[in-house]
Full PDB file with SEQRES, HELIX, SHEET, SSBOND, CRYST1, ORIGX, SCALE, CONECT and MASTER records, all heavy atoms in Angstrom:
SEQRES   1 A   41  ARG GLY LEU LEU ALA GLY THR ASN ILE GLY GLY LEU GLY          
SEQRES   2 A   41  THR LEU ILE ALA SER MET ALA SER LEU ILE SER PHE ARG          
SEQRES   3 A   41  LEU TYR ALA ARG SER GLU GLY ALA LYS ALA GLY ARG TYR          
SEQRES   4 A   41  PHE ALA                                                      
HELIX    1 AA1 GLY A    2  ILE A    9  1                                   8    
HELIX    2 AA2 MET A   19  ALA A   29  1                                  11    
HELIX    3 AA3 ALA A   36  PHE A   40  1                                   5    
CRYST1    1.000    1.000    1.000  90.00  90.00  90.00 P 1           1          
ORIGX1      1.000000  0.000000  0.000000        0.00000                         
ORIGX2      0.000000  1.000000  0.000000        0.00000                         
ORIGX3      0.000000  0.000000  1.000000        0.00000                         
SCALE1      1.000000  0.000000  0.000000        0.00000                         
SCALE2      0.000000  1.000000  0.000000        0.00000                         
SCALE3      0.000000  0.000000  1.000000        0.00000                         
ATOM      1  N   ARG A   1      85.910  63.460 119.515  1.00  0.00           N  
ATOM      2  CA  ARG A   1      86.468  63.591 118.165  1.00  0.00           C  
ATOM      3  C   ARG A   1      86.640  62.218 117.521  1.00  0.00           C  
ATOM      4  O   ARG A   1      86.252  62.002 116.370  1.00  0.00           O  
ATOM      5  CB  ARG A   1      87.795  64.336 118.202  1.00  0.00           C  
ATOM      6  CG  ARG A   1      87.684  65.765 118.704  1.00  0.00           C  
ATOM      7  CD  ARG A   1      89.036  66.468 118.815  1.00  0.00           C  
ATOM      8  NE  ARG A   1      89.525  66.934 117.513  1.00  0.00           N  
ATOM      9  CZ  ARG A   1      90.581  66.461 116.912  1.00  0.00           C  
ATOM     10  NH1 ARG A   1      91.300  65.492 117.464  1.00  0.00           N  
ATOM     11  NH2 ARG A   1      90.959  66.940 115.750  1.00  0.00           N  
ATOM     12  N   GLY A   2      87.230  61.278 118.265  1.00  0.00           N  
ATOM     13  CA  GLY A   2      87.422  59.940 117.735  1.00  0.00           C  
ATOM     14  C   GLY A   2      86.102  59.231 117.489  1.00  0.00           C  
ATOM     15  O   GLY A   2      85.924  58.537 116.489  1.00  0.00           O  
ATOM     16  N   LEU A   3      85.162  59.417 118.413  1.00  0.00           N  
ATOM     17  CA  LEU A   3      83.863  58.765 118.291  1.00  0.00           C  
ATOM     18  C   LEU A   3      83.059  59.354 117.140  1.00  0.00           C  
ATOM     19  O   LEU A   3      82.402  58.626 116.382  1.00  0.00           O  
ATOM     20  CB  LEU A   3      83.098  58.909 119.607  1.00  0.00           C  
ATOM     21  CG  LEU A   3      81.881  58.012 119.801  1.00  0.00           C  
ATOM     22  CD1 LEU A   3      82.270  56.547 119.681  1.00  0.00           C  
ATOM     23  CD2 LEU A   3      81.243  58.286 121.166  1.00  0.00           C  
ATOM     24  N   LEU A   4      83.111  60.656 116.981  1.00  0.00           N  
ATOM     25  CA  LEU A   4      82.400  61.322 115.883  1.00  0.00           C  
ATOM     26  C   LEU A   4      82.945  60.864 114.535  1.00  0.00           C  
ATOM     27  O   LEU A   4      82.181  60.517 113.617  1.00  0.00           O  
ATOM     28  CB  LEU A   4      82.541  62.836 116.034  1.00  0.00           C  
ATOM     29  CG  LEU A   4      81.928  63.711 114.941  1.00  0.00           C  
ATOM     30  CD1 LEU A   4      80.423  63.515 114.870  1.00  0.00           C  
ATOM     31  CD2 LEU A   4      82.276  65.188 115.174  1.00  0.00           C  
ATOM     32  N   ALA A   5      84.266  60.865 114.397  1.00  0.00           N  
ATOM     33  CA  ALA A   5      84.874  60.436 113.137  1.00  0.00           C  
ATOM     34  C   ALA A   5      84.622  58.957 112.888  1.00  0.00           C  
ATOM     35  O   ALA A   5      84.265  58.552 111.769  1.00  0.00           O  
ATOM     36  CB  ALA A   5      86.381  60.716 113.158  1.00  0.00           C  
ATOM     37  N   GLY A   6      84.775  58.133 113.934  1.00  0.00           N  
ATOM     38  CA  GLY A   6      84.646  56.693 113.765  1.00  0.00           C  
ATOM     39  C   GLY A   6      83.258  56.238 113.383  1.00  0.00           C  
ATOM     40  O   GLY A   6      83.089  55.369 112.523  1.00  0.00           O  
ATOM     41  N   THR A   7      82.230  56.823 113.991  1.00  0.00           N  
ATOM     42  CA  THR A   7      80.859  56.383 113.685  1.00  0.00           C  
ATOM     43  C   THR A   7      80.409  56.883 112.310  1.00  0.00           C  
ATOM     44  O   THR A   7      79.601  56.221 111.649  1.00  0.00           O  
ATOM     45  CB  THR A   7      79.873  56.857 114.757  1.00  0.00           C  
ATOM     46  OG1 THR A   7      80.027  58.266 114.986  1.00  0.00           O  
ATOM     47  CG2 THR A   7      80.094  56.115 116.060  1.00  0.00           C  
ATOM     48  N   ASN A   8      80.932  58.035 111.871  1.00  0.00           N  
ATOM     49  CA  ASN A   8      80.588  58.480 110.513  1.00  0.00           C  
ATOM     50  C   ASN A   8      81.306  57.651 109.462  1.00  0.00           C  
ATOM     51  O   ASN A   8      80.709  57.233 108.464  1.00  0.00           O  
ATOM     52  CB  ASN A   8      80.922  59.965 110.360  1.00  0.00           C  
ATOM     53  CG  ASN A   8      79.822  60.866 110.874  1.00  0.00           C  
ATOM     54  OD1 ASN A   8      78.762  60.965 110.280  1.00  0.00           O  
ATOM     55  ND2 ASN A   8      80.061  61.514 111.995  1.00  0.00           N  
ATOM     56  N   ILE A   9      82.591  57.402 109.679  1.00  0.00           N  
ATOM     57  CA  ILE A   9      83.329  56.537 108.754  1.00  0.00           C  
ATOM     58  C   ILE A   9      82.773  55.126 108.802  1.00  0.00           C  
ATOM     59  O   ILE A   9      82.691  54.435 107.784  1.00  0.00           O  
ATOM     60  CB  ILE A   9      84.826  56.543 109.119  1.00  0.00           C  
ATOM     61  CG1 ILE A   9      85.421  57.922 108.853  1.00  0.00           C  
ATOM     62  CG2 ILE A   9      85.590  55.474 108.326  1.00  0.00           C  
ATOM     63  CD1 ILE A   9      86.839  58.091 109.387  1.00  0.00           C  
ATOM     64  N   GLY A  10      82.343  54.695 109.990  1.00  0.00           N  
ATOM     65  CA  GLY A  10      81.814  53.343 110.165  1.00  0.00           C  
ATOM     66  C   GLY A  10      80.510  53.078 109.439  1.00  0.00           C  
ATOM     67  O   GLY A  10      80.057  51.937 109.356  1.00  0.00           O  
ATOM     68  N   GLY A  11      79.872  54.127 108.888  1.00  0.00           N  
ATOM     69  CA  GLY A  11      78.682  53.915 108.070  1.00  0.00           C  
ATOM     70  C   GLY A  11      78.999  53.229 106.755  1.00  0.00           C  
ATOM     71  O   GLY A  11      78.105  52.712 106.074  1.00  0.00           O  
ATOM     72  N   LEU A  12      80.285  53.231 106.377  1.00  0.00           N  
ATOM     73  CA  LEU A  12      80.742  52.465 105.211  1.00  0.00           C  
ATOM     74  C   LEU A  12      81.037  51.040 105.644  1.00  0.00           C  
ATOM     75  O   LEU A  12      81.180  50.762 106.829  1.00  0.00           O  
ATOM     76  CB  LEU A  12      81.992  53.121 104.633  1.00  0.00           C  
ATOM     77  CG  LEU A  12      81.880  54.574 104.201  1.00  0.00           C  
ATOM     78  CD1 LEU A  12      83.261  55.160 103.920  1.00  0.00           C  
ATOM     79  CD2 LEU A  12      80.978  54.710 102.984  1.00  0.00           C  
ATOM     80  N   GLY A  13      81.195  50.141 104.673  1.00  0.00           N  
ATOM     81  CA  GLY A  13      81.555  48.766 105.013  1.00  0.00           C  
ATOM     82  C   GLY A  13      80.407  47.811 104.754  1.00  0.00           C  
ATOM     83  O   GLY A  13      79.953  47.661 103.613  1.00  0.00           O  
ATOM     84  N   THR A  14      79.913  47.174 105.799  1.00  0.00           N  
ATOM     85  CA  THR A  14      78.870  46.173 105.644  1.00  0.00           C  
ATOM     86  C   THR A  14      77.527  46.817 105.296  1.00  0.00           C  
ATOM     87  O   THR A  14      77.317  48.018 105.471  1.00  0.00           O  
ATOM     88  CB  THR A  14      78.694  45.342 106.921  1.00  0.00           C  
ATOM     89  OG1 THR A  14      78.205  46.199 107.974  1.00  0.00           O  
ATOM     90  CG2 THR A  14      80.010  44.718 107.344  1.00  0.00           C  
ATOM     91  N   LEU A  15      76.606  45.987 104.863  1.00  0.00           N  
ATOM     92  CA  LEU A  15      75.275  46.462 104.484  1.00  0.00           C  
ATOM     93  C   LEU A  15      74.512  47.011 105.676  1.00  0.00           C  
ATOM     94  O   LEU A  15      73.636  47.863 105.519  1.00  0.00           O  
ATOM     95  CB  LEU A  15      74.485  45.324 103.831  1.00  0.00           C  
ATOM     96  CG  LEU A  15      73.204  45.699 103.081  1.00  0.00           C  
ATOM     97  CD1 LEU A  15      73.506  46.656 101.939  1.00  0.00           C  
ATOM     98  CD2 LEU A  15      72.525  44.449 102.549  1.00  0.00           C  
ATOM     99  N   ILE A  16      74.836  46.529 106.889  1.00  0.00           N  
ATOM    100  CA  ILE A  16      74.113  46.985 108.076  1.00  0.00           C  
ATOM    101  C   ILE A  16      74.876  48.062 108.847  1.00  0.00           C  
ATOM    102  O   ILE A  16      74.435  48.492 109.901  1.00  0.00           O  
ATOM    103  CB  ILE A  16      73.804  45.806 109.022  1.00  0.00           C  
ATOM    104  CG1 ILE A  16      75.095  45.178 109.549  1.00  0.00           C  
ATOM    105  CG2 ILE A  16      72.929  44.785 108.357  1.00  0.00           C  
ATOM    106  CD1 ILE A  16      74.864  44.146 110.637  1.00  0.00           C  
ATOM    107  N   ALA A  17      76.008  48.519 108.329  1.00  0.00           N  
ATOM    108  CA  ALA A  17      76.784  49.537 109.025  1.00  0.00           C  
ATOM    109  C   ALA A  17      76.018  50.851 109.119  1.00  0.00           C  
ATOM    110  O   ALA A  17      76.203  51.633 110.040  1.00  0.00           O  
ATOM    111  CB  ALA A  17      78.119  49.762 108.328  1.00  0.00           C  
ATOM    112  N   SER A  18      75.135  51.102 108.164  1.00  0.00           N  
ATOM    113  CA  SER A  18      74.265  52.281 108.177  1.00  0.00           C  
ATOM    114  C   SER A  18      72.872  51.834 107.754  1.00  0.00           C  
ATOM    115  O   SER A  18      72.713  51.111 106.769  1.00  0.00           O  
ATOM    116  CB  SER A  18      74.792  53.347 107.207  1.00  0.00           C  
ATOM    117  OG  SER A  18      73.830  54.354 107.003  1.00  0.00           O  
ATOM    118  N   MET A  19      71.856  52.283 108.483  1.00  0.00           N  
ATOM    119  CA  MET A  19      70.486  51.946 108.127  1.00  0.00           C  
ATOM    120  C   MET A  19      70.120  52.508 106.761  1.00  0.00           C  
ATOM    121  O   MET A  19      69.281  51.958 106.046  1.00  0.00           O  
ATOM    122  CB  MET A  19      69.522  52.478 109.185  1.00  0.00           C  
ATOM    123  CG  MET A  19      69.603  51.775 110.524  1.00  0.00           C  
ATOM    124  SD  MET A  19      69.181  50.004 110.443  1.00  0.00           S  
ATOM    125  CE  MET A  19      70.817  49.260 110.525  1.00  0.00           C  
ATOM    126  N   ALA A  20      70.759  53.597 106.365  1.00  0.00           N  
ATOM    127  CA  ALA A  20      70.500  54.176 105.045  1.00  0.00           C  
ATOM    128  C   ALA A  20      70.893  53.195 103.937  1.00  0.00           C  
ATOM    129  O   ALA A  20      70.240  53.129 102.892  1.00  0.00           O  
ATOM    130  CB  ALA A  20      71.267  55.485 104.887  1.00  0.00           C  
ATOM    131  N   SER A  21      71.945  52.429 104.165  1.00  0.00           N  
ATOM    132  CA  SER A  21      72.385  51.445 103.169  1.00  0.00           C  
ATOM    133  C   SER A  21      71.340  50.353 102.989  1.00  0.00           C  
ATOM    134  O   SER A  21      71.119  49.857 101.877  1.00  0.00           O  
ATOM    135  CB  SER A  21      73.727  50.828 103.593  1.00  0.00           C  
ATOM    136  OG  SER A  21      74.722  51.808 103.664  1.00  0.00           O  
ATOM    137  N   LEU A  22      70.697  49.970 104.064  1.00  0.00           N  
ATOM    138  CA  LEU A  22      69.626  48.974 103.979  1.00  0.00           C  
ATOM    139  C   LEU A  22      68.438  49.511 103.194  1.00  0.00           C  
ATOM    140  O   LEU A  22      67.787  48.771 102.458  1.00  0.00           O  
ATOM    141  CB  LEU A  22      69.179  48.555 105.382  1.00  0.00           C  
ATOM    142  CG  LEU A  22      70.092  47.571 106.115  1.00  0.00           C  
ATOM    143  CD1 LEU A  22      69.559  47.344 107.533  1.00  0.00           C  
ATOM    144  CD2 LEU A  22      70.179  46.244 105.378  1.00  0.00           C  
ATOM    145  N   ILE A  23      68.168  50.793 103.351  1.00  0.00           N  
ATOM    146  CA  ILE A  23      67.071  51.411 102.598  1.00  0.00           C  
ATOM    147  C   ILE A  23      67.335  51.316 101.108  1.00  0.00           C  
ATOM    148  O   ILE A  23      66.465  50.940 100.323  1.00  0.00           O  
ATOM    149  CB  ILE A  23      66.884  52.878 103.038  1.00  0.00           C  
ATOM    150  CG1 ILE A  23      66.320  52.938 104.455  1.00  0.00           C  
ATOM    151  CG2 ILE A  23      65.985  53.630 102.065  1.00  0.00           C  
ATOM    152  CD1 ILE A  23      66.247  54.332 105.034  1.00  0.00           C  
ATOM    153  N   SER A  24      68.551  51.655 100.697  1.00  0.00           N  
ATOM    154  CA  SER A  24      68.913  51.567  99.275  1.00  0.00           C  
ATOM    155  C   SER A  24      68.769  50.141  98.758  1.00  0.00           C  
ATOM    156  O   SER A  24      68.240  49.907  97.669  1.00  0.00           O  
ATOM    157  CB  SER A  24      70.360  52.030  99.070  1.00  0.00           C  
ATOM    158  OG  SER A  24      70.484  53.395  99.273  1.00  0.00           O  
ATOM    159  N   PHE A  25      69.252  49.192  99.553  1.00  0.00           N  
ATOM    160  CA  PHE A  25      69.186  47.794  99.123  1.00  0.00           C  
ATOM    161  C   PHE A  25      67.745  47.341  98.959  1.00  0.00           C  
ATOM    162  O   PHE A  25      67.396  46.681  97.970  1.00  0.00           O  
ATOM    163  CB  PHE A  25      69.908  46.909 100.138  1.00  0.00           C  
ATOM    164  CG  PHE A  25      69.777  45.436  99.832  1.00  0.00           C  
ATOM    165  CD1 PHE A  25      70.455  44.884  98.758  1.00  0.00           C  
ATOM    166  CD2 PHE A  25      68.985  44.617 100.600  1.00  0.00           C  
ATOM    167  CE1 PHE A  25      70.339  43.534  98.457  1.00  0.00           C  
ATOM    168  CE2 PHE A  25      68.856  43.264 100.326  1.00  0.00           C  
ATOM    169  CZ  PHE A  25      69.535  42.726  99.239  1.00  0.00           C  
ATOM    170  N   ARG A  26      66.878  47.691  99.893  1.00  0.00           N  
ATOM    171  CA  ARG A  26      65.474  47.295  99.806  1.00  0.00           C  
ATOM    172  C   ARG A  26      64.801  47.906  98.590  1.00  0.00           C  
ATOM    173  O   ARG A  26      64.033  47.245  97.885  1.00  0.00           O  
ATOM    174  CB  ARG A  26      64.740  47.707 101.078  1.00  0.00           C  
ATOM    175  CG  ARG A  26      65.099  46.876 102.302  1.00  0.00           C  
ATOM    176  CD  ARG A  26      64.482  47.460 103.553  1.00  0.00           C  
ATOM    177  NE  ARG A  26      64.815  46.697 104.743  1.00  0.00           N  
ATOM    178  CZ  ARG A  26      64.550  47.086 105.974  1.00  0.00           C  
ATOM    179  NH1 ARG A  26      63.955  48.254 106.184  1.00  0.00           N  
ATOM    180  NH2 ARG A  26      64.885  46.331 107.010  1.00  0.00           N  
ATOM    181  N   LEU A  27      65.076  49.180  98.329  1.00  0.00           N  
ATOM    182  CA  LEU A  27      64.487  49.841  97.174  1.00  0.00           C  
ATOM    183  C   LEU A  27      64.957  49.194  95.874  1.00  0.00           C  
ATOM    184  O   LEU A  27      64.168  48.979  94.944  1.00  0.00           O  
ATOM    185  CB  LEU A  27      64.849  51.332  97.179  1.00  0.00           C  
ATOM    186  CG  LEU A  27      64.200  52.173  98.284  1.00  0.00           C  
ATOM    187  CD1 LEU A  27      64.817  53.575  98.308  1.00  0.00           C  
ATOM    188  CD2 LEU A  27      62.691  52.268  98.085  1.00  0.00           C  
ATOM    189  N   TYR A  28      66.250  48.883  95.805  1.00  0.00           N  
ATOM    190  CA  TYR A  28      66.765  48.239  94.591  1.00  0.00           C  
ATOM    191  C   TYR A  28      66.211  46.825  94.456  1.00  0.00           C  
ATOM    192  O   TYR A  28      65.793  46.424  93.354  1.00  0.00           O  
ATOM    193  CB  TYR A  28      68.290  48.184  94.616  1.00  0.00           C  
ATOM    194  CG  TYR A  28      68.831  47.275  93.545  1.00  0.00           C  
ATOM    195  CD1 TYR A  28      68.883  47.690  92.220  1.00  0.00           C  
ATOM    196  CD2 TYR A  28      69.238  45.964  93.839  1.00  0.00           C  
ATOM    197  CE1 TYR A  28      69.327  46.841  91.202  1.00  0.00           C  
ATOM    198  CE2 TYR A  28      69.680  45.106  92.842  1.00  0.00           C  
ATOM    199  CZ  TYR A  28      69.730  45.552  91.531  1.00  0.00           C  
ATOM    200  OH  TYR A  28      70.158  44.695  90.538  1.00  0.00           O  
ATOM    201  N   ALA A  29      66.201  46.067  95.548  1.00  0.00           N  
ATOM    202  CA  ALA A  29      65.776  44.664  95.498  1.00  0.00           C  
ATOM    203  C   ALA A  29      64.330  44.501  95.031  1.00  0.00           C  
ATOM    204  O   ALA A  29      63.958  43.465  94.482  1.00  0.00           O  
ATOM    205  CB  ALA A  29      65.961  44.011  96.868  1.00  0.00           C  
ATOM    206  N   ARG A  30      63.514  45.524  95.247  1.00  0.00           N  
ATOM    207  CA  ARG A  30      62.105  45.462  94.843  1.00  0.00           C  
ATOM    208  C   ARG A  30      61.896  45.891  93.405  1.00  0.00           C  
ATOM    209  O   ARG A  30      60.777  45.810  92.888  1.00  0.00           O  
ATOM    210  CB  ARG A  30      61.264  46.366  95.760  1.00  0.00           C  
ATOM    211  CG  ARG A  30      61.196  45.865  97.202  1.00  0.00           C  
ATOM    212  CD  ARG A  30      60.526  46.900  98.089  1.00  0.00           C  
ATOM    213  NE  ARG A  30      60.546  46.488  99.489  1.00  0.00           N  
ATOM    214  CZ  ARG A  30      60.243  47.296 100.499  1.00  0.00           C  
ATOM    215  NH1 ARG A  30      59.885  48.549 100.263  1.00  0.00           N  
ATOM    216  NH2 ARG A  30      60.269  46.848 101.735  1.00  0.00           N  
ATOM    217  N   SER A  31      62.941  46.353  92.741  1.00  0.00           N  
ATOM    218  CA  SER A  31      62.808  46.830  91.363  1.00  0.00           C  
ATOM    219  C   SER A  31      62.776  45.657  90.392  1.00  0.00           C  
ATOM    220  O   SER A  31      63.244  44.551  90.691  1.00  0.00           O  
ATOM    221  CB  SER A  31      63.963  47.768  91.007  1.00  0.00           C  
ATOM    222  OG  SER A  31      65.196  47.077  91.014  1.00  0.00           O  
ATOM    223  N   GLU A  32      62.228  45.902  89.212  1.00  0.00           N  
ATOM    224  CA  GLU A  32      62.115  44.860  88.195  1.00  0.00           C  
ATOM    225  C   GLU A  32      63.495  44.422  87.703  1.00  0.00           C  
ATOM    226  O   GLU A  32      64.341  45.244  87.377  1.00  0.00           O  
ATOM    227  CB  GLU A  32      61.284  45.388  87.016  1.00  0.00           C  
ATOM    228  CG  GLU A  32      61.021  44.353  85.945  1.00  0.00           C  
ATOM    229  CD  GLU A  32      60.160  44.895  84.827  1.00  0.00           C  
ATOM    230  OE1 GLU A  32      59.693  46.049  84.951  1.00  0.00           O  
ATOM    231  OE2 GLU A  32      59.958  44.176  83.831  1.00  0.00           O  
ATOM    232  N   GLY A  33      63.714  43.100  87.679  1.00  0.00           N  
ATOM    233  CA  GLY A  33      64.976  42.551  87.185  1.00  0.00           C  
ATOM    234  C   GLY A  33      66.146  42.674  88.133  1.00  0.00           C  
ATOM    235  O   GLY A  33      67.295  42.504  87.724  1.00  0.00           O  
ATOM    236  N   ALA A  34      65.867  42.990  89.394  1.00  0.00           N  
ATOM    237  CA  ALA A  34      66.939  43.204  90.375  1.00  0.00           C  
ATOM    238  C   ALA A  34      67.813  41.963  90.542  1.00  0.00           C  
ATOM    239  O   ALA A  34      67.324  40.837  90.564  1.00  0.00           O  
ATOM    240  CB  ALA A  34      66.346  43.592  91.717  1.00  0.00           C  
ATOM    241  N   LYS A  35      69.127  42.164  90.668  1.00  0.00           N  
ATOM    242  CA  LYS A  35      70.098  41.101  90.914  1.00  0.00           C  
ATOM    243  C   LYS A  35      70.726  41.357  92.284  1.00  0.00           C  
ATOM    244  O   LYS A  35      71.770  42.016  92.403  1.00  0.00           O  
ATOM    245  CB  LYS A  35      71.180  41.099  89.834  1.00  0.00           C  
ATOM    246  CG  LYS A  35      70.651  40.988  88.420  1.00  0.00           C  
ATOM    247  CD  LYS A  35      70.077  39.607  88.131  1.00  0.00           C  
ATOM    248  CE  LYS A  35      69.670  39.487  86.671  1.00  0.00           C  
ATOM    249  NZ  LYS A  35      69.058  38.159  86.362  1.00  0.00           N  
ATOM    250  N   ALA A  36      70.070  40.857  93.323  1.00  0.00           N  
ATOM    251  CA  ALA A  36      70.492  41.154  94.687  1.00  0.00           C  
ATOM    252  C   ALA A  36      71.921  40.700  94.971  1.00  0.00           C  
ATOM    253  O   ALA A  36      72.675  41.388  95.662  1.00  0.00           O  
ATOM    254  CB  ALA A  36      69.529  40.510  95.679  1.00  0.00           C  
ATOM    255  N   GLY A  37      72.296  39.541  94.443  1.00  0.00           N  
ATOM    256  CA  GLY A  37      73.637  39.026  94.675  1.00  0.00           C  
ATOM    257  C   GLY A  37      74.706  39.926  94.058  1.00  0.00           C  
ATOM    258  O   GLY A  37      75.731  40.213  94.685  1.00  0.00           O  
ATOM    259  N   ARG A  38      74.462  40.374  92.840  1.00  0.00           N  
ATOM    260  CA  ARG A  38      75.410  41.268  92.173  1.00  0.00           C  
ATOM    261  C   ARG A  38      75.487  42.610  92.901  1.00  0.00           C  
ATOM    262  O   ARG A  38      76.568  43.209  93.022  1.00  0.00           O  
ATOM    263  CB  ARG A  38      74.997  41.475  90.712  1.00  0.00           C  
ATOM    264  CG  ARG A  38      75.229  40.252  89.822  1.00  0.00           C  
ATOM    265  CD  ARG A  38      74.701  40.462  88.430  1.00  0.00           C  
ATOM    266  NE  ARG A  38      75.344  41.605  87.752  1.00  0.00           N  
ATOM    267  CZ  ARG A  38      75.029  41.995  86.523  1.00  0.00           C  
ATOM    268  NH1 ARG A  38      74.098  41.330  85.834  1.00  0.00           N  
ATOM    269  NH2 ARG A  38      75.643  43.013  85.982  1.00  0.00           N  
ATOM    270  N   TYR A  39      74.350  43.078  93.366  1.00  0.00           N  
ATOM    271  CA  TYR A  39      74.332  44.341  94.117  1.00  0.00           C  
ATOM    272  C   TYR A  39      75.160  44.208  95.398  1.00  0.00           C  
ATOM    273  O   TYR A  39      75.980  45.082  95.699  1.00  0.00           O  
ATOM    274  CB  TYR A  39      72.900  44.730  94.471  1.00  0.00           C  
ATOM    275  CG  TYR A  39      72.810  46.021  95.258  1.00  0.00           C  
ATOM    276  CD1 TYR A  39      72.596  47.232  94.612  1.00  0.00           C  
ATOM    277  CD2 TYR A  39      72.956  46.044  96.642  1.00  0.00           C  
ATOM    278  CE1 TYR A  39      72.536  48.427  95.314  1.00  0.00           C  
ATOM    279  CE2 TYR A  39      72.904  47.221  97.367  1.00  0.00           C  
ATOM    280  CZ  TYR A  39      72.687  48.416  96.684  1.00  0.00           C  
ATOM    281  OH  TYR A  39      72.634  49.590  97.407  1.00  0.00           O  
ATOM    282  N   PHE A  40      74.949  43.104  96.118  1.00  0.00           N  
ATOM    283  CA  PHE A  40      75.674  42.905  97.378  1.00  0.00           C  
ATOM    284  C   PHE A  40      77.181  42.849  97.131  1.00  0.00           C  
ATOM    285  O   PHE A  40      77.961  43.419  97.899  1.00  0.00           O  
ATOM    286  CB  PHE A  40      75.200  41.614  98.042  1.00  0.00           C  
ATOM    287  CG  PHE A  40      75.895  41.322  99.344  1.00  0.00           C  
ATOM    288  CD1 PHE A  40      75.560  42.006 100.497  1.00  0.00           C  
ATOM    289  CD2 PHE A  40      76.900  40.361  99.411  1.00  0.00           C  
ATOM    290  CE1 PHE A  40      76.215  41.750 101.697  1.00  0.00           C  
ATOM    291  CE2 PHE A  40      77.558  40.101 100.602  1.00  0.00           C  
ATOM    292  CZ  PHE A  40      77.210  40.801 101.758  1.00  0.00           C  
ATOM    293  N   ALA A  41      77.601  42.167  96.064  1.00  0.00           N  
ATOM    294  CA  ALA A  41      79.028  42.060  95.757  1.00  0.00           C  
ATOM    295  C   ALA A  41      79.614  43.438  95.426  1.00  0.00           C  
ATOM    296  O   ALA A  41      80.681  43.808  95.932  1.00  0.00           O  
ATOM    297  CB  ALA A  41      79.237  41.100  94.592  1.00  0.00           C  
TER     298      ALA A  41                                                      
MASTER        0    0    0    3    0    0    0    6  297    1    0    4          
END                                                                             
């Protein structure tokens, strides 16, 4: 129970906490006019 809750909640936080978050960042970063620094903040 603790591990299930913790790893799902742990997908929030840093950019690498969930691989899905990295996917979003890569897709955005490749778009025209992307501001990677502002996105990261």
